[in-house]
């Protein structure tokens, strides 16, 4: 009689282990699929980032060219006038802050 109960206990434990393995296997499968989805998202974000960096470089280049063109088009008199106006504005800001 005691041998039967040991056998039943062993079967019960094996059944429990089997159910735990099934749960772990399902969790592993879910995590793998989520991981694949996240890897796809990362790849898409890397592509988007590369595109945005190229656009940013283009905008920065255009900005530098625009600034260079703006200052090239100003005469010396206009430049001095602009410098004076900027100096006056800085002084006004200093007075308001002081």
PDB file of N, CA and C in Angstrom:
ATOM      1  N   UNK A   1       0.793  -1.194   0.000  1.00  0.00           N
ATOM      2  CA  UNK A   1       0.000   0.000   0.000  1.00  0.00           C
ATOM      3  C   UNK A   1       0.847   1.276   0.000  1.00  0.00           C
ATOM      4  N   UNK A   2       1.919   1.367   0.786  1.00  0.00           N
ATOM      5  CA  UNK A   2       2.716   2.582   0.777  1.00  0.00           C
ATOM      6  C   UNK A   2       3.368   2.836  -0.583  1.00  0.00           C
ATOM      7  N   UNK A   3       3.671   1.822  -1.318  1.00  0.00           N
ATOM      8  CA  UNK A   3       4.272   2.009  -2.629  1.00  0.00           C
ATOM      9  C   UNK A   3       3.318   2.710  -3.584  1.00  0.00           C
ATOM     10  N   UNK A   4       2.051   2.442  -3.474  1.00  0.00           N
ATOM     11  CA  UNK A   4       1.061   3.076  -4.328  1.00  0.00           C
ATOM     12  C   UNK A   4       0.969   4.562  -4.010  1.00  0.00           C
ATOM     13  N   UNK A   5       0.993   4.909  -2.775  1.00  0.00           N
ATOM     14  CA  UNK A   5       0.893   6.322  -2.415  1.00  0.00           C
ATOM     15  C   UNK A   5       2.135   7.088  -2.884  1.00  0.00           C
ATOM     16  N   UNK A   6       3.312   6.479  -2.785  1.00  0.00           N
ATOM     17  CA  UNK A   6       4.517   7.123  -3.299  1.00  0.00           C
ATOM     18  C   UNK A   6       4.407   7.323  -4.804  1.00  0.00           C
ATOM     19  N   UNK A   7       3.862   6.332  -5.461  1.00  0.00           N
ATOM     20  CA  UNK A   7       3.657   6.413  -6.908  1.00  0.00           C
ATOM     21  C   UNK A   7       2.689   7.532  -7.245  1.00  0.00           C
ATOM     22  N   UNK A   8       1.614   7.648  -6.497  1.00  0.00           N
ATOM     23  CA  UNK A   8       0.627   8.708  -6.718  1.00  0.00           C
ATOM     24  C   UNK A   8       1.233  10.084  -6.455  1.00  0.00           C
ATOM     25  N   UNK A   9       2.039  10.178  -5.411  1.00  0.00           N
ATOM     26  CA  UNK A   9       2.703  11.448  -5.087  1.00  0.00           C
ATOM     27  C   UNK A   9       3.651  11.846  -6.220  1.00  0.00           C
ATOM     28  N   UNK A  10       4.396  10.873  -6.690  1.00  0.00           N
ATOM     29  CA  UNK A  10       5.322  11.125  -7.788  1.00  0.00           C
ATOM     30  C   UNK A  10       4.580  11.584  -9.039  1.00  0.00           C
ATOM     31  N   UNK A  11       3.486  10.918  -9.363  1.00  0.00           N
ATOM     32  CA  UNK A  11       2.678  11.325 -10.520  1.00  0.00           C
ATOM     33  C   UNK A  11       2.092  12.716 -10.330  1.00  0.00           C
ATOM     34  N   UNK A  12       1.665  13.000  -9.128  1.00  0.00           N
ATOM     35  CA  UNK A  12       1.110  14.319  -8.833  1.00  0.00           C
ATOM     36  C   UNK A  12       2.170  15.400  -9.012  1.00  0.00           C
ATOM     37  N   UNK A  13       3.365  15.144  -8.504  1.00  0.00           N
ATOM     38  CA  UNK A  13       4.457  16.103  -8.647  1.00  0.00           C
ATOM     39  C   UNK A  13       4.854  16.273 -10.108  1.00  0.00           C
ATOM     40  N   UNK A  14       4.897  15.197 -10.852  1.00  0.00           N
ATOM     41  CA  UNK A  14       5.208  15.269 -12.281  1.00  0.00           C
ATOM     42  C   UNK A  14       4.149  16.071 -13.028  1.00  0.00           C
ATOM     43  N   UNK A  15       2.917  15.871 -12.667  1.00  0.00           N
ATOM     44  CA  UNK A  15       1.826  16.621 -13.293  1.00  0.00           C
ATOM     45  C   UNK A  15       1.953  18.107 -12.979  1.00  0.00           C
ATOM     46  N   UNK A  16       2.302  18.416 -11.746  1.00  0.00           N
ATOM     47  CA  UNK A  16       2.488  19.809 -11.334  1.00  0.00           C
ATOM     48  C   UNK A  16       3.647  20.444 -12.116  1.00  0.00           C
ATOM     49  N   UNK A  17       4.747  19.720 -12.214  1.00  0.00           N
ATOM     50  CA  UNK A  17       5.914  20.223 -12.963  1.00  0.00           C
ATOM     51  C   UNK A  17       5.549  20.428 -14.430  1.00  0.00           C
ATOM     52  N   UNK A  18       4.780  19.495 -14.970  1.00  0.00           N
ATOM     53  CA  UNK A  18       4.368  19.605 -16.369  1.00  0.00           C
ATOM     54  C   UNK A  18       3.516  20.853 -16.596  1.00  0.00           C
ATOM     55  N   UNK A  19       2.596  21.132 -15.682  1.00  0.00           N
ATOM     56  CA  UNK A  19       1.750  22.322 -15.832  1.00  0.00           C
ATOM     57  C   UNK A  19       2.578  23.600 -15.692  1.00  0.00           C
ATOM     58  N   UNK A  20       3.568  23.603 -14.790  1.00  0.00           N
ATOM     59  CA  UNK A  20       4.446  24.761 -14.644  1.00  0.00           C
ATOM     60  C   UNK A  20       5.285  24.965 -15.906  1.00  0.00           C
ATOM     61  N   UNK A  21       5.761  23.876 -16.479  1.00  0.00           N
ATOM     62  CA  UNK A  21       6.524  23.973 -17.723  1.00  0.00           C
ATOM     63  C   UNK A  21       5.669  24.516 -18.858  1.00  0.00           C
ATOM     64  N   UNK A  22       4.425  24.114 -18.899  1.00  0.00           N
ATOM     65  CA  UNK A  22       3.516  24.614 -19.931  1.00  0.00           C
ATOM     66  C   UNK A  22       3.306  26.118 -19.783  1.00  0.00           C
ATOM     67  N   UNK A  23       3.121  26.575 -18.546  1.00  0.00           N
ATOM     68  CA  UNK A  23       2.957  28.009 -18.284  1.00  0.00           C
ATOM     69  C   UNK A  23       4.221  28.764 -18.701  1.00  0.00           C
ATOM     70  N   UNK A  24       5.385  28.236 -18.313  1.00  0.00           N
ATOM     71  CA  UNK A  24       6.652  28.878 -18.673  1.00  0.00           C
ATOM     72  C   UNK A  24       6.863  28.897 -20.184  1.00  0.00           C
ATOM     73  N   UNK A  25       6.484  27.813 -20.836  1.00  0.00           N
ATOM     74  CA  UNK A  25       6.625  27.742 -22.293  1.00  0.00           C
ATOM     75  C   UNK A  25       5.745  28.785 -22.974  1.00  0.00           C
ATOM     76  N   UNK A  26       4.526  28.937 -22.494  1.00  0.00           N
ATOM     77  CA  UNK A  26       3.617  29.946 -23.057  1.00  0.00           C
ATOM     78  C   UNK A  26       4.151  31.355 -22.814  1.00  0.00           C
ATOM     79  N   UNK A  27       4.651  31.576 -21.607  1.00  0.00           N
ATOM     80  CA  UNK A  27       5.221  32.900 -21.300  1.00  0.00           C
ATOM     81  C   UNK A  27       6.421  33.191 -22.191  1.00  0.00           C
ATOM     82  N   UNK A  28       7.253  32.193 -22.405  1.00  0.00           N
ATOM     83  CA  UNK A  28       8.422  32.353 -23.269  1.00  0.00           C
ATOM     84  C   UNK A  28       8.009  32.693 -24.698  1.00  0.00           C
ATOM     85  N   UNK A  29       6.991  32.019 -25.180  1.00  0.00           N
ATOM     86  CA  UNK A  29       6.508  32.286 -26.547  1.00  0.00           C
ATOM     87  C   UNK A  29       5.966  33.703 -26.667  1.00  0.00           C
ATOM     88  N   UNK A  30       5.211  34.146 -25.660  1.00  0.00           N
ATOM     89  CA  UNK A  30       4.676  35.506 -25.666  1.00  0.00           C
ATOM     90  C   UNK A  30       5.807  36.529 -25.643  1.00  0.00           C
ATOM     91  N   UNK A  31       6.802  36.281 -24.801  1.00  0.00           N
ATOM     92  CA  UNK A  31       7.927  37.212 -24.708  1.00  0.00           C
ATOM     93  C   UNK A  31       8.727  37.262 -26.003  1.00  0.00           C
ATOM     94  N   UNK A  32       8.862  36.129 -26.664  1.00  0.00           N
ATOM     95  CA  UNK A  32       9.568  36.108 -27.950  1.00  0.00           C
ATOM     96  C   UNK A  32       8.833  36.946 -28.981  1.00  0.00           C
ATOM     97  N   UNK A  33       7.512  36.809 -29.038  1.00  0.00           N
ATOM     98  CA  UNK A  33       6.757  37.584 -30.025  1.00  0.00           C
ATOM     99  C   UNK A  33       6.808  39.079 -29.701  1.00  0.00           C
ATOM    100  N   UNK A  34       6.717  39.423 -28.422  1.00  0.00           N
ATOM    101  CA  UNK A  34       6.831  40.832 -28.040  1.00  0.00           C
ATOM    102  C   UNK A  34       8.213  41.377 -28.375  1.00  0.00           C
ATOM    103  N   UNK A  35       9.227  40.561 -28.150  1.00  0.00           N
ATOM    104  CA  UNK A  35      10.600  40.964 -28.452  1.00  0.00           C
ATOM    105  C   UNK A  35      10.772  41.231 -29.946  1.00  0.00           C
ATOM    106  N   UNK A  36      10.194  40.382 -30.780  1.00  0.00           N
ATOM    107  CA  UNK A  36      10.270  40.579 -32.233  1.00  0.00           C
ATOM    108  C   UNK A  36       9.575  41.874 -32.637  1.00  0.00           C
ATOM    109  N   UNK A  37       8.411  42.135 -32.033  1.00  0.00           N
ATOM    110  CA  UNK A  37       7.692  43.377 -32.335  1.00  0.00           C
ATOM    111  C   UNK A  37       8.534  44.597 -31.936  1.00  0.00           C
ATOM    112  N   UNK A  38       9.146  44.518 -30.762  1.00  0.00           N
ATOM    113  CA  UNK A  38       9.977  45.629 -30.303  1.00  0.00           C
ATOM    114  C   UNK A  38      11.200  45.819 -31.195  1.00  0.00           C
ATOM    115  N   UNK A  39      11.776  44.734 -31.672  1.00  0.00           N
ATOM    116  CA  UNK A  39      12.917  44.844 -32.579  1.00  0.00           C
ATOM    117  C   UNK A  39      12.503  45.505 -33.890  1.00  0.00           C
ATOM    118  N   UNK A  40      11.298  45.191 -34.366  1.00  0.00           N
ATOM    119  CA  UNK A  40      10.797  45.850 -35.582  1.00  0.00           C
ATOM    120  C   UNK A  40      10.616  47.335 -35.334  1.00  0.00           C
ATOM    121  N   UNK A  41      10.055  47.682 -34.177  1.00  0.00           N
ATOM    122  CA  UNK A  41       9.859  49.094 -33.849  1.00  0.00           C
ATOM    123  C   UNK A  41      11.197  49.821 -33.757  1.00  0.00           C
ATOM    124  N   UNK A  42      12.185  49.161 -33.163  1.00  0.00           N
ATOM    125  CA  UNK A  42      13.512  49.773 -33.053  1.00  0.00           C
ATOM    126  C   UNK A  42      14.097  50.025 -34.432  1.00  0.00           C
ATOM    127  N   UNK A  43      13.944  49.050 -35.316  1.00  0.00           N
ATOM    128  CA  UNK A  43      14.467  49.217 -36.676  1.00  0.00           C
ATOM    129  C   UNK A  43      13.778  50.386 -37.376  1.00  0.00           C
ATOM    130  N   UNK A  44      12.459  50.498 -37.213  1.00  0.00           N
ATOM    131  CA  UNK A  44      11.721  51.602 -37.829  1.00  0.00           C
ATOM    132  C   UNK A  44      12.169  52.937 -37.238  1.00  0.00           C
ATOM    133  N   UNK A  45      12.375  52.972 -35.924  1.00  0.00           N
ATOM    134  CA  UNK A  45      12.810  54.207 -35.285  1.00  0.00           C
ATOM    135  C   UNK A  45      14.212  54.608 -35.731  1.00  0.00           C
ATOM    136  N   UNK A  46      15.077  53.624 -35.946  1.00  0.00           N
ATOM    137  CA  UNK A  46      16.414  53.931 -36.460  1.00  0.00           C
ATOM    138  C   UNK A  46      16.319  54.534 -37.861  1.00  0.00           C
ATOM    139  N   UNK A  47      15.441  53.978 -38.690  1.00  0.00           N
ATOM    140  CA  UNK A  47      15.262  54.534 -40.040  1.00  0.00           C
ATOM    141  C   UNK A  47      14.728  55.959 -39.960  1.00  0.00           C
ATOM    142  N   UNK A  48      13.701  56.166 -39.115  1.00  0.00           N
ATOM    143  CA  UNK A  48      13.128  57.503 -38.962  1.00  0.00           C
ATOM    144  C   UNK A  48      14.183  58.485 -38.449  1.00  0.00           C
ATOM    145  N   UNK A  49      14.980  58.024 -37.502  1.00  0.00           N
ATOM    146  CA  UNK A  49      16.028  58.876 -36.946  1.00  0.00           C
ATOM    147  C   UNK A  49      17.032  59.275 -38.018  1.00  0.00           C
ATOM    148  N   UNK A  50      17.427  58.321 -38.843  1.00  0.00           N
ATOM    149  CA  UNK A  50      18.378  58.620 -39.918  1.00  0.00           C
ATOM    150  C   UNK A  50      17.788  59.643 -40.886  1.00  0.00           C
ATOM    151  N   UNK A  51      16.515  59.471 -41.239  1.00  0.00           N
ATOM    152  CA  UNK A  51      15.860  60.411 -42.148  1.00  0.00           C
ATOM    153  C   UNK A  51      15.811  61.797 -41.529  1.00  0.00           C
ATOM    154  N   UNK A  52      15.444  61.862 -40.238  1.00  0.00           N
ATOM    155  CA  UNK A  52      15.353  63.155 -39.568  1.00  0.00           C
ATOM    156  C   UNK A  52      16.725  63.821 -39.437  1.00  0.00           C
ATOM    157  N   UNK A  53      17.769  63.024 -39.224  1.00  0.00           N
ATOM    158  CA  UNK A  53      19.108  63.602 -39.150  1.00  0.00           C
ATOM    159  C   UNK A  53      19.524  64.190 -40.493  1.00  0.00           C
ATOM    160  N   UNK A  54      19.181  63.514 -41.572  1.00  0.00           N
ATOM    161  CA  UNK A  54      19.489  64.040 -42.904  1.00  0.00           C
ATOM    162  C   UNK A  54      18.735  65.344 -43.141  1.00  0.00           C
ATOM    163  N   UNK A  55      17.460  65.364 -42.755  1.00  0.00           N
ATOM    164  CA  UNK A  55      16.661  66.591 -42.907  1.00  0.00           C
ATOM    165  C   UNK A  55      17.247  67.715 -42.070  1.00  0.00           C
ATOM    166  N   UNK A  56      17.648  67.398 -40.833  1.00  0.00           N
ATOM    167  CA  UNK A  56      18.224  68.404 -39.950  1.00  0.00           C
ATOM    168  C   UNK A  56      19.520  68.970 -40.534  1.00  0.00           C
ATOM    169  N   UNK A  57      20.351  68.108 -41.074  1.00  0.00           N
ATOM    170  CA  UNK A  57      21.590  68.583 -41.685  1.00  0.00           C
ATOM    171  C   UNK A  57      21.290  69.524 -42.850  1.00  0.00           C
ATOM    172  N   UNK A  58      20.272  69.178 -43.629  1.00  0.00           N
ATOM    173  CA  UNK A  58      19.878  70.044 -44.735  1.00  0.00           C
ATOM    174  C   UNK A  58      19.391  71.393 -44.240  1.00  0.00           C
ATOM    175  N   UNK A  59      18.584  71.369 -43.172  1.00  0.00           N
ATOM    176  CA  UNK A  59      18.064  72.631 -42.605  1.00  0.00           C
ATOM    177  C   UNK A  59      19.199  73.464 -42.017  1.00  0.00           C
ATOM    178  N   UNK A  60      20.131  72.802 -41.336  1.00  0.00           N
ATOM    179  CA  UNK A  60      21.260  73.539 -40.769  1.00  0.00           C
ATOM    180  C   UNK A  60      22.101  74.174 -41.870  1.00  0.00           C
ATOM    181  N   UNK A  61      22.320  73.438 -42.931  1.00  0.00           N
ATOM    182  CA  UNK A  61      23.104  73.966 -44.060  1.00  0.00           C
ATOM    183  C   UNK A  61      22.371  75.150 -44.680  1.00  0.00           C
ATOM    184  N   UNK A  62      21.063  75.010 -44.863  1.00  0.00           N
ATOM    185  CA  UNK A  62      20.273  76.102 -45.438  1.00  0.00           C
ATOM    186  C   UNK A  62      20.297  77.314 -44.519  1.00  0.00           C
ATOM    187  N   UNK A  63      20.250  77.072 -43.208  1.00  0.00           N
ATOM    188  CA  UNK A  63      20.289  78.167 -42.243  1.00  0.00           C
ATOM    189  C   UNK A  63      21.605  78.908 -42.308  1.00  0.00           C
ATOM    190  N   UNK A  64      22.695  78.163 -42.385  1.00  0.00           N
ATOM    191  CA  UNK A  64      24.015  78.794 -42.483  1.00  0.00           C
ATOM    192  C   UNK A  64      24.112  79.592 -43.777  1.00  0.00           C
ATOM    193  N   UNK A  65      23.638  79.021 -44.864  1.00  0.00           N
ATOM    194  CA  UNK A  65      23.677  79.721 -46.153  1.00  0.00           C
ATOM    195  C   UNK A  65      22.812  80.967 -46.119  1.00  0.00           C
ATOM    196  N   UNK A  66      21.661  80.865 -45.486  1.00  0.00           N
ATOM    197  CA  UNK A  66      20.763  82.018 -45.383  1.00  0.00           C
ATOM    198  C   UNK A  66      21.416  83.120 -44.562  1.00  0.00           C
ATOM    199  N   UNK A  67      22.052  82.729 -43.452  1.00  0.00           N
ATOM    200  CA  UNK A  67      22.749  83.716 -42.624  1.00  0.00           C
ATOM    201  C   UNK A  67      23.882  84.365 -43.379  1.00  0.00           C
ATOM    202  N   UNK A  68      24.617  83.574 -44.115  1.00  0.00           N
ATOM    203  CA  UNK A  68      25.729  84.122 -44.895  1.00  0.00           C
ATOM    204  C   UNK A  68      25.198  85.051 -45.980  1.00  0.00           C
ATOM    205  N   UNK A  69      24.127  84.642 -46.632  1.00  0.00           N
ATOM    206  CA  UNK A  69      23.543  85.484 -47.677  1.00  0.00           C
ATOM    207  C   UNK A  69      23.003  86.782 -47.091  1.00  0.00           C
ATOM    208  N   UNK A  70      22.412  86.712 -45.909  1.00  0.00           N
ATOM    209  CA  UNK A  70      21.847  87.900 -45.278  1.00  0.00           C
ATOM    210  C   UNK A  70      22.938  88.918 -44.962  1.00  0.00           C
ATOM    211  N   UNK A  71      24.022  88.435 -44.351  1.00  0.00           N
ATOM    212  CA  UNK A  71      25.089  89.369 -43.994  1.00  0.00           C
ATOM    213  C   UNK A  71      25.839  89.858 -45.229  1.00  0.00           C
ATOM    214  N   UNK A  72      25.918  89.046 -46.267  1.00  0.00           N
ATOM    215  CA  UNK A  72      26.586  89.480 -47.493  1.00  0.00           C
ATOM    216  C   UNK A  72      25.799  90.584 -48.195  1.00  0.00           C
ATOM    217  N   UNK A  73      24.498  90.550 -48.067  1.00  0.00           N
ATOM    218  CA  UNK A  73      23.655  91.523 -48.763  1.00  0.00           C
ATOM    219  C   UNK A  73      23.596  92.874 -48.052  1.00  0.00           C
ATOM    220  N   UNK A  74      24.012  92.900 -46.786  1.00  0.00           N
ATOM    221  CA  UNK A  74      23.981  94.165 -46.052  1.00  0.00           C
ATOM    222  C   UNK A  74      25.196  95.014 -46.405  1.00  0.00           C
ATOM    223  N   UNK A  75      24.938  96.269 -46.540  1.00  0.00           N
ATOM    224  CA  UNK A  75      26.063  97.192 -46.756  1.00  0.00           C
ATOM    225  C   UNK A  75      26.715  97.481 -45.405  1.00  0.00           C
ATOM    226  N   UNK A  76      27.861  98.107 -45.448  1.00  0.00           N
ATOM    227  CA  UNK A  76      28.565  98.438 -44.200  1.00  0.00           C
ATOM    228  C   UNK A  76      27.711  99.358 -43.330  1.00  0.00           C
ATOM    229  N   UNK A  77      27.037 100.292 -43.960  1.00  0.00           N
ATOM    230  CA  UNK A  77      26.190 101.235 -43.224  1.00  0.00           C
ATOM    231  C   UNK A  77      25.040 100.489 -42.545  1.00  0.00           C
ATOM    232  N   UNK A  78      24.430  99.550 -43.269  1.00  0.00           N
ATOM    233  CA  UNK A  78      23.327  98.780 -42.695  1.00  0.00           C
ATOM    234  C   UNK A  78      23.823  97.875 -41.561  1.00  0.00           C
ATOM    235  N   UNK A  79      24.993  97.333 -41.709  1.00  0.00           N
ATOM    236  CA  UNK A  79      25.562  96.498 -40.654  1.00  0.00           C
ATOM    237  C   UNK A  79      25.799  97.310 -39.383  1.00  0.00           C
ATOM    238  N   UNK A  80      26.378  98.484 -39.545  1.00  0.00           N
ATOM    239  CA  UNK A  80      26.628  99.343 -38.383  1.00  0.00           C
ATOM    240  C   UNK A  80      25.320  99.751 -37.727  1.00  0.00           C
ATOM    241  N   UNK A  81      24.328 100.049 -38.533  1.00  0.00           N
ATOM    242  CA  UNK A  81      23.017 100.411 -38.008  1.00  0.00           C
ATOM    243  C   UNK A  81      22.413  99.239 -37.224  1.00  0.00           C
ATOM    244  N   UNK A  82      22.527  98.067 -37.768  1.00  0.00           N
ATOM    245  CA  UNK A  82      22.013  96.870 -37.096  1.00  0.00           C
ATOM    246  C   UNK A  82      22.761  96.622 -35.787  1.00  0.00           C
ATOM    247  N   UNK A  83      24.080  96.800 -35.783  1.00  0.00           N
ATOM    248  CA  UNK A  83      24.868  96.626 -34.575  1.00  0.00           C
ATOM    249  C   UNK A  83      24.422  97.610 -33.493  1.00  0.00           C
ATOM    250  N   UNK A  84      24.195  98.872 -33.892  1.00  0.00           N
ATOM    251  CA  UNK A  84      23.760  99.882 -32.932  1.00  0.00           C
ATOM    252  C   UNK A  84      22.394  99.542 -32.339  1.00  0.00           C
ATOM    253  N   UNK A  85      21.484  99.101 -33.198  1.00  0.00           N
ATOM    254  CA  UNK A  85      20.141  98.729 -32.710  1.00  0.00           C
ATOM    255  C   UNK A  85      20.209  97.558 -31.751  1.00  0.00           C
ATOM    256  N   UNK A  86      21.053  96.587 -32.067  1.00  0.00           N
ATOM    257  CA  UNK A  86      21.210  95.439 -31.175  1.00  0.00           C
ATOM    258  C   UNK A  86      21.832  95.864 -29.850  1.00  0.00           C
ATOM    259  N   UNK A  87      22.807  96.754 -29.918  1.00  0.00           N
ATOM    260  CA  UNK A  87      23.454  97.252 -28.700  1.00  0.00           C
ATOM    261  C   UNK A  87      22.444  97.983 -27.829  1.00  0.00           C
ATOM    262  N   UNK A  88      21.586  98.825 -28.455  1.00  0.00           N
ATOM    263  CA  UNK A  88      20.553  99.543 -27.715  1.00  0.00           C
ATOM    264  C   UNK A  88      19.570  98.574 -27.066  1.00  0.00           C
ATOM    265  N   UNK A  89      19.193  97.547 -27.769  1.00  0.00           N
ATOM    266  CA  UNK A  89      18.270  96.556 -27.210  1.00  0.00           C
ATOM    267  C   UNK A  89      18.887  95.828 -26.022  1.00  0.00           C
ATOM    268  N   UNK A  90      20.169  95.475 -26.141  1.00  0.00           N
ATOM    269  CA  UNK A  90      20.861  94.803 -25.038  1.00  0.00           C
ATOM    270  C   UNK A  90      20.918  95.723 -23.830  1.00  0.00           C
ATOM    271  N   UNK A  91      21.183  97.006 -24.054  1.00  0.00           N
ATOM    272  CA  UNK A  91      21.227  97.971 -22.953  1.00  0.00           C
ATOM    273  C   UNK A  91      19.867  98.097 -22.285  1.00  0.00           C
ATOM    274  N   UNK A  92      18.794  98.141 -23.073  1.00  0.00           N
ATOM    275  CA  UNK A  92      17.447  98.210 -22.502  1.00  0.00           C
ATOM    276  C   UNK A  92      17.153  96.971 -21.651  1.00  0.00           C
ATOM    277  N   UNK A  93      17.535  95.814 -22.155  1.00  0.00           N
ATOM    278  CA  UNK A  93      17.313  94.563 -21.407  1.00  0.00           C
ATOM    279  C   UNK A  93      18.103  94.593 -20.110  1.00  0.00           C
ATOM    280  N   UNK A  94      19.350  95.092 -20.178  1.00  0.00           N
ATOM    281  CA  UNK A  94      20.181  95.194 -18.974  1.00  0.00           C
ATOM    282  C   UNK A  94      19.538  96.116 -17.944  1.00  0.00           C
ATOM    283  N   UNK A  95      18.978  97.250 -18.412  1.00  0.00           N
ATOM    284  CA  UNK A  95      18.316  98.187 -17.492  1.00  0.00           C
ATOM    285  C   UNK A  95      17.090  97.551 -16.842  1.00  0.00           C
ATOM    286  N   UNK A  96      16.340  96.798 -17.624  1.00  0.00           N
ATOM    287  CA  UNK A  96      15.145  96.160 -17.055  1.00  0.00           C
ATOM    288  C   UNK A  96      15.527  95.064 -16.059  1.00  0.00           C
ATOM    289  N   UNK A  97      16.623  94.402 -16.328  1.00  0.00           N
ATOM    290  CA  UNK A  97      17.061  93.333 -15.417  1.00  0.00           C
ATOM    291  C   UNK A  97      17.736  93.911 -14.177  1.00  0.00           C
ATOM    292  N   UNK A  98      18.375  95.068 -14.329  1.00  0.00           N
ATOM    293  CA  UNK A  98      19.145  95.672 -13.236  1.00  0.00           C
ATOM    294  C   UNK A  98      18.292  96.460 -12.335  1.00  0.00           C
TER     295      UNK A  98
END
